[in-house]
Every structure is written in C-alpha cells, then in structure tokens.
C-alpha cells in the first residue's frame, strides 16, 4: 500500500480531483486552506502580500495504481500552467493497522 501526498495550488486542485475520479482511486482525503512556503516556489499565506492557498490531498492505493497516478501527475506538471501554479507529489509506504 502506498500513500501519495499531493500538494497543489488551489487553482489547479479541481483538475487534480478530476484526475483522481477518472482513474477511479479507492478514496482520498483533502485538506483545503493549506498555507506554505518552499524555497524557490511561491509563498502562499492567504493574505494581501502573499495571496493564495494550497490544498493537500492524500491518496492511499495499491502500488500499481499509485505508480500510475504519479506518472499522470508528472505529465500534468509538464504543462506550463500547472508547473507555474505549483504541484508537489511525495510517495511513501503505508500499512493498514486497524
């Protein structure tokens, strides 16, 4: 089982959700209004100086579907608008305990 963590600007979040629905992931959790800073990327504090917010999305899937999802997200990030809006993806192992 894999955890796929997706962090993206709110402007592209609906497109990410559309992708998750189109590849029929079993489920996902969304955190809206995520604020953050990363060196070399745009800062989003949801204020007049640093406008905008991010979303955090967690997908828990089997290794095959997680790999497919990350490949689709890599393709998506190649598009200029997506790249500039901001998209980060991390994958880690997960184990169901309860």
N, C-alpha and C. Protein backbone atom coordinates (compact mmCIF):
# COMPACT_ATOMS: atom_id res chain seq x y z
N UNK A 1 0.85 -1.16 0.00
CA UNK A 1 0.00 0.00 0.00
C UNK A 1 0.90 1.23 0.00
N UNK A 2 0.51 2.23 -0.76
CA UNK A 2 1.27 3.47 -0.87
C UNK A 2 0.42 4.67 -0.47
N UNK A 3 1.06 5.61 0.17
CA UNK A 3 0.46 6.92 0.43
C UNK A 3 0.99 7.86 -0.63
N UNK A 4 0.12 8.49 -1.37
CA UNK A 4 0.52 9.50 -2.36
C UNK A 4 0.05 10.84 -1.81
N UNK A 5 1.01 11.66 -1.40
CA UNK A 5 0.72 13.01 -0.90
C UNK A 5 0.83 13.98 -2.04
N UNK A 6 -0.21 14.75 -2.28
CA UNK A 6 -0.24 15.74 -3.36
C UNK A 6 -0.45 17.11 -2.72
N UNK A 7 0.45 18.02 -3.01
CA UNK A 7 0.32 19.41 -2.56
C UNK A 7 0.23 20.27 -3.80
N UNK A 8 -0.82 21.08 -3.90
CA UNK A 8 -1.01 21.88 -5.11
C UNK A 8 -1.69 23.19 -4.79
N UNK A 9 -1.54 24.14 -5.69
CA UNK A 9 -2.22 25.41 -5.56
C UNK A 9 -3.72 25.18 -5.75
N UNK A 10 -4.51 25.98 -5.04
CA UNK A 10 -5.97 25.83 -5.12
C UNK A 10 -6.50 25.99 -6.54
N UNK A 11 -5.78 26.72 -7.38
CA UNK A 11 -6.25 26.97 -8.74
C UNK A 11 -6.26 25.71 -9.60
N UNK A 12 -5.42 24.73 -9.28
CA UNK A 12 -5.38 23.50 -10.08
C UNK A 12 -5.97 22.30 -9.34
N UNK A 13 -6.38 22.50 -8.10
CA UNK A 13 -6.92 21.40 -7.30
C UNK A 13 -8.12 20.70 -7.96
N UNK A 14 -9.07 21.43 -8.54
CA UNK A 14 -10.19 20.73 -9.19
C UNK A 14 -9.73 19.79 -10.31
N UNK A 15 -8.69 20.17 -11.02
CA UNK A 15 -8.17 19.30 -12.09
C UNK A 15 -7.52 18.04 -11.50
N UNK A 16 -6.88 18.19 -10.36
CA UNK A 16 -6.29 17.03 -9.68
C UNK A 16 -7.40 16.08 -9.23
N UNK A 17 -8.45 16.63 -8.64
CA UNK A 17 -9.59 15.81 -8.20
C UNK A 17 -10.23 15.11 -9.39
N UNK A 18 -10.34 15.80 -10.49
CA UNK A 18 -10.89 15.20 -11.72
C UNK A 18 -10.05 14.00 -12.15
N UNK A 19 -8.72 14.13 -12.06
CA UNK A 19 -7.82 13.03 -12.40
C UNK A 19 -8.06 11.85 -11.46
N UNK A 20 -8.15 12.11 -10.16
CA UNK A 20 -8.38 11.03 -9.20
C UNK A 20 -9.68 10.29 -9.50
N UNK A 21 -10.72 11.04 -9.85
CA UNK A 21 -12.00 10.42 -10.19
C UNK A 21 -11.90 9.62 -11.48
N UNK A 22 -11.16 10.14 -12.46
CA UNK A 22 -11.09 9.47 -13.76
C UNK A 22 -10.33 8.15 -13.70
N UNK A 23 -9.36 8.05 -12.80
CA UNK A 23 -8.63 6.78 -12.69
C UNK A 23 -9.19 5.89 -11.58
N UNK A 24 -10.30 6.35 -10.99
CA UNK A 24 -11.06 5.57 -10.01
C UNK A 24 -10.22 5.11 -8.82
N UNK A 25 -9.55 6.07 -8.17
CA UNK A 25 -8.87 5.72 -6.93
C UNK A 25 -9.92 5.31 -5.90
N UNK A 26 -9.52 4.46 -4.97
CA UNK A 26 -10.48 3.96 -3.97
C UNK A 26 -11.00 5.08 -3.08
N UNK A 27 -10.17 6.05 -2.79
CA UNK A 27 -10.60 7.16 -1.95
C UNK A 27 -9.45 8.12 -1.72
N UNK A 28 -9.78 9.28 -1.22
CA UNK A 28 -8.76 10.29 -0.94
C UNK A 28 -9.29 11.24 0.12
N UNK A 29 -8.37 11.92 0.78
CA UNK A 29 -8.71 12.92 1.78
C UNK A 29 -8.13 14.25 1.32
N UNK A 30 -8.90 15.32 1.49
CA UNK A 30 -8.48 16.66 1.05
C UNK A 30 -8.43 17.60 2.24
N UNK A 31 -7.35 18.34 2.34
CA UNK A 31 -7.25 19.44 3.29
C UNK A 31 -7.16 20.72 2.47
N UNK A 32 -8.13 21.58 2.63
CA UNK A 32 -8.12 22.88 1.94
C UNK A 32 -7.49 23.92 2.87
N UNK A 33 -7.22 25.07 2.32
CA UNK A 33 -6.69 26.20 3.09
C UNK A 33 -5.33 25.87 3.72
N UNK A 34 -4.48 25.17 2.97
CA UNK A 34 -3.15 24.83 3.45
C UNK A 34 -2.20 25.96 3.06
N UNK A 35 -1.46 26.45 4.04
CA UNK A 35 -0.52 27.54 3.80
C UNK A 35 0.89 26.97 3.79
N UNK A 36 1.76 27.57 2.98
CA UNK A 36 3.10 27.03 2.95
C UNK A 36 4.11 27.86 2.20
N UNK A 37 5.35 27.51 2.45
CA UNK A 37 6.48 28.16 1.79
C UNK A 37 7.52 27.09 1.47
N UNK A 38 8.11 27.18 0.31
CA UNK A 38 9.21 26.30 -0.08
C UNK A 38 10.19 27.14 -0.87
N UNK A 39 11.44 27.08 -0.51
CA UNK A 39 12.46 27.86 -1.21
C UNK A 39 12.37 27.59 -2.71
N UNK A 40 12.35 28.65 -3.49
CA UNK A 40 12.27 28.51 -4.94
C UNK A 40 10.86 28.44 -5.48
N UNK A 41 9.87 28.41 -4.58
CA UNK A 41 8.47 28.35 -5.00
C UNK A 41 7.73 29.56 -4.45
N UNK A 42 6.54 29.73 -4.91
CA UNK A 42 5.73 30.85 -4.42
C UNK A 42 5.22 30.57 -3.01
N UNK A 43 5.28 31.60 -2.19
CA UNK A 43 4.74 31.51 -0.83
C UNK A 43 3.26 31.83 -0.87
N UNK A 44 2.48 31.09 -0.12
CA UNK A 44 1.04 31.32 -0.04
C UNK A 44 0.63 31.40 1.43
N UNK A 45 0.32 32.62 1.89
CA UNK A 45 -0.13 32.83 3.26
C UNK A 45 -1.58 33.31 3.30
N UNK A 46 -2.26 33.37 2.17
CA UNK A 46 -3.67 33.78 2.10
C UNK A 46 -3.89 35.19 2.64
N UNK A 47 -2.95 36.08 2.37
CA UNK A 47 -3.12 37.48 2.79
C UNK A 47 -2.85 38.39 1.60
N UNK A 48 -2.90 39.69 1.81
CA UNK A 48 -2.73 40.65 0.72
C UNK A 48 -1.32 40.62 0.14
N UNK A 49 -0.34 40.31 0.96
CA UNK A 49 1.05 40.28 0.49
C UNK A 49 1.37 38.98 -0.23
N UNK A 50 0.95 37.86 0.33
CA UNK A 50 1.21 36.54 -0.24
C UNK A 50 -0.13 35.83 -0.47
N UNK A 51 -0.87 36.22 -1.49
CA UNK A 51 -2.21 35.65 -1.70
C UNK A 51 -2.17 34.18 -2.15
N UNK A 52 -3.30 33.56 -2.00
CA UNK A 52 -3.45 32.19 -2.48
C UNK A 52 -3.29 31.16 -1.37
N UNK A 53 -3.83 30.01 -1.63
CA UNK A 53 -3.75 28.90 -0.69
C UNK A 53 -3.45 27.62 -1.47
N UNK A 54 -3.06 26.62 -0.75
CA UNK A 54 -2.80 25.32 -1.34
C UNK A 54 -3.80 24.31 -0.81
N UNK A 55 -3.83 23.17 -1.45
CA UNK A 55 -4.57 22.02 -0.97
C UNK A 55 -3.57 20.90 -0.72
N UNK A 56 -3.85 20.06 0.26
CA UNK A 56 -3.11 18.83 0.48
C UNK A 56 -4.09 17.68 0.26
N UNK A 57 -3.67 16.71 -0.51
CA UNK A 57 -4.54 15.58 -0.85
C UNK A 57 -3.76 14.30 -0.54
N UNK A 58 -4.38 13.39 0.18
CA UNK A 58 -3.77 12.10 0.48
C UNK A 58 -4.56 11.00 -0.20
N UNK A 59 -3.87 10.23 -1.01
CA UNK A 59 -4.46 9.07 -1.69
C UNK A 59 -3.77 7.83 -1.13
N UNK A 60 -4.54 6.83 -0.73
CA UNK A 60 -3.99 5.55 -0.28
C UNK A 60 -4.41 4.51 -1.30
N UNK A 61 -3.42 3.91 -1.96
CA UNK A 61 -3.71 2.99 -3.06
C UNK A 61 -2.69 1.87 -3.11
N UNK A 62 -3.00 0.85 -3.91
CA UNK A 62 -2.02 -0.21 -4.15
C UNK A 62 -0.86 0.36 -4.96
N UNK A 63 0.25 -0.33 -4.96
CA UNK A 63 1.47 0.18 -5.60
C UNK A 63 1.27 0.46 -7.09
N UNK A 64 0.55 -0.40 -7.78
CA UNK A 64 0.35 -0.22 -9.22
C UNK A 64 -0.43 1.04 -9.55
N UNK A 65 -1.52 1.26 -8.85
CA UNK A 65 -2.32 2.45 -9.12
C UNK A 65 -1.60 3.71 -8.64
N UNK A 66 -0.85 3.61 -7.54
CA UNK A 66 -0.07 4.75 -7.06
C UNK A 66 0.97 5.16 -8.09
N UNK A 67 1.63 4.16 -8.70
CA UNK A 67 2.62 4.44 -9.74
C UNK A 67 1.94 5.13 -10.93
N UNK A 68 0.80 4.60 -11.36
CA UNK A 68 0.08 5.18 -12.49
C UNK A 68 -0.32 6.63 -12.19
N UNK A 69 -0.82 6.87 -10.99
CA UNK A 69 -1.22 8.21 -10.59
C UNK A 69 -0.03 9.16 -10.65
N UNK A 70 1.11 8.76 -10.10
CA UNK A 70 2.27 9.65 -10.12
C UNK A 70 2.75 9.92 -11.54
N UNK A 71 2.66 8.95 -12.41
CA UNK A 71 3.04 9.17 -13.82
C UNK A 71 2.11 10.19 -14.47
N UNK A 72 0.82 10.09 -14.20
CA UNK A 72 -0.14 11.06 -14.75
C UNK A 72 0.10 12.46 -14.18
N UNK A 73 0.45 12.54 -12.91
CA UNK A 73 0.76 13.84 -12.30
C UNK A 73 2.03 14.44 -12.89
N UNK A 74 3.02 13.59 -13.20
CA UNK A 74 4.24 14.08 -13.86
C UNK A 74 3.91 14.68 -15.22
N UNK A 75 3.05 14.01 -15.98
CA UNK A 75 2.62 14.54 -17.28
C UNK A 75 1.91 15.87 -17.10
N UNK A 76 1.04 15.92 -16.09
CA UNK A 76 0.28 17.14 -15.83
C UNK A 76 1.23 18.30 -15.50
N UNK A 77 2.26 18.03 -14.71
CA UNK A 77 3.18 19.09 -14.29
C UNK A 77 3.99 19.64 -15.45
N UNK A 78 4.12 18.90 -16.53
CA UNK A 78 4.85 19.39 -17.71
C UNK A 78 4.13 20.54 -18.39
N UNK A 79 2.83 20.64 -18.16
CA UNK A 79 2.09 21.76 -18.73
C UNK A 79 2.48 23.03 -17.99
N UNK A 80 2.74 24.08 -18.74
CA UNK A 80 3.25 25.34 -18.18
C UNK A 80 2.37 25.90 -17.06
N UNK A 81 1.07 25.92 -17.28
CA UNK A 81 0.16 26.49 -16.28
C UNK A 81 0.20 25.70 -14.98
N UNK A 82 0.28 24.39 -15.07
CA UNK A 82 0.33 23.55 -13.87
C UNK A 82 1.67 23.74 -13.17
N UNK A 83 2.74 23.74 -13.95
CA UNK A 83 4.08 23.91 -13.38
C UNK A 83 4.19 25.22 -12.60
N UNK A 84 3.68 26.30 -13.17
CA UNK A 84 3.77 27.60 -12.52
C UNK A 84 2.82 27.74 -11.34
N UNK A 85 1.70 27.05 -11.37
CA UNK A 85 0.76 27.12 -10.25
C UNK A 85 1.34 26.44 -9.01
N UNK A 86 2.03 25.34 -9.23
CA UNK A 86 2.65 24.62 -8.12
C UNK A 86 2.04 23.26 -7.88
N UNK A 87 2.87 22.23 -8.00
CA UNK A 87 2.43 20.85 -7.77
C UNK A 87 3.62 20.06 -7.23
N UNK A 88 3.44 19.45 -6.08
CA UNK A 88 4.46 18.58 -5.49
C UNK A 88 3.79 17.26 -5.13
N UNK A 89 4.51 16.16 -5.34
CA UNK A 89 3.96 14.84 -5.05
C UNK A 89 5.03 14.02 -4.32
N UNK A 90 4.62 13.36 -3.25
CA UNK A 90 5.50 12.50 -2.47
C UNK A 90 4.81 11.16 -2.29
N UNK A 91 5.58 10.09 -2.33
CA UNK A 91 5.03 8.75 -2.15
C UNK A 91 5.77 8.07 -0.99
N UNK A 92 5.00 7.42 -0.13
CA UNK A 92 5.61 6.68 0.97
C UNK A 92 4.84 5.39 1.19
N UNK A 93 5.51 4.43 1.79
CA UNK A 93 4.87 3.16 2.11
C UNK A 93 3.87 3.35 3.24
N UNK A 94 2.79 2.60 3.18
CA UNK A 94 1.77 2.65 4.22
C UNK A 94 1.35 1.23 4.59
N UNK A 95 0.90 1.07 5.81
CA UNK A 95 0.45 -0.23 6.29
C UNK A 95 -0.83 -0.03 7.10
N UNK A 96 -1.87 -0.75 6.74
CA UNK A 96 -3.13 -0.68 7.48
C UNK A 96 -2.96 -1.39 8.82
N UNK A 97 -3.22 -0.67 9.90
CA UNK A 97 -3.00 -1.22 11.23
C UNK A 97 -4.31 -1.54 11.97
N UNK A 98 -5.38 -0.84 11.68
CA UNK A 98 -6.65 -1.07 12.38
C UNK A 98 -7.76 -1.20 11.36
